[in-house]
Amino acid sequence: MRVLLIKTSSMGDVIHTLPALTDARAAFPDLQVDWVVEDAFADLARRHPAVANVFPCALRRWRKHPFKARRSGEWGVFKSALQATDYDVVIDAQGLIKSAFITRLARGPKFGLDKHSAREGLSAKVLDHPQAVAKGQHAIARVRQLFALSLGYALPASRPDYGLPRSHVPTPLAQPAELVFCHGTTWVTKHYPEAFWRQLVELACAEGHRVHLPWGNDTEKARAERLADGITQASVLPKMGLDALTDKLLCWDAFVAVDTGLAHLAAAAGLPGLALYGPTDPVLTGVQGVRAESRAADFPCAPCVQERCTYRGELGKGVSPPCFSTLKPEFVWRELKRLSP
């Protein structure tokens, strides 16, 4: 069976799709999936054994400079590759206008979220077989259901399997271990307080562990350097691409992260760990892994799902964002050790 999958971004969305591919491969051992994905996540998509070909795209850049994309030939090459195969099934797993635009070009019966299930209901207009998948569920569960409905197999009741092979068995935190603290994220309100991160690094290193601090831009690098300053067993990682970082995650022993794509990648790589949620809701997008869990702030206005904090009460005074005052470093460290094998 040849399937074309359209799920372009973001990192978390791409990772949330991997368990559905594992389900489908179990139902159809001869399954071959071609995946349309943003070029930044192409190497990650290629790691799944069900994926035969990846069609990298640059929709964000192409939309900003459409004439340049045509003149350079990028768009033409992408479109030709997309239309070179008549697929048994085409699945739009994103439910956005931008993904519908690509789905419309593909050759084969088109499946995806119906107008009531998709984030942007108009995306269902291009589908031959719109599927009803209830909202209010975790993103991983929704994609697994969409695949089962589209390909016609019974939805497995098993835990999500991301299909990323891991040979290293995580070291228990009762022994010296290699930890990664993913401190970078987008919204200001999703950032765990820097002072809390520093305390967490100190707690981990005081018990003999090594802490690795990744970064993706100059601001994150500067923060990582402050967190590691003066602590021998804390190290700022060199700049590395997603593929190299994934290899590292498959060899490390535990993680702590905020609401970021790296949290989902760490969980998918099989690390025990915690993702810390303040303004966002882990019920819909929390980490899911063998020993990975989410911890949500227990605060009056959480989850507010706001990029700017508007809380003006006295709770959490001195902590910014104040909702993280309910997830203090000592608590996070105890929870991480509890999750360790």
Foldseek 3Di string as FASTA:
>chain_A
DEEEEEDADDLLLLLLQLLLLVVVCVVPVVAEYEYEYAPQCQVVNVQAPNYDYYQHDHVVVCVVPVVVCVVVCVVVVSLCVQAVDAGQEYEYAAQDPVSLVSQLSHHYQYEYAALVAGPHRVSNVSHPHHDHFDPPAASSVRSNVRSCVRVPHDRDPDFGANRRDFPADADALQDAFEEEEEQDDDFQQQGFDLVQLLVLCVVSVVSPYAYEYEDDDPVSQVSLCVSCPPRPRYDYDDHDGPNVVLVVLSHGHEYEYTPHSVLQSSQNSAHAYEYEAEQDDLRHRNHGHPRYGYDYQPDPCHNVPDSDDPDDDDQQPPGVVSSCVRVGSVNRVVSSSVSGD
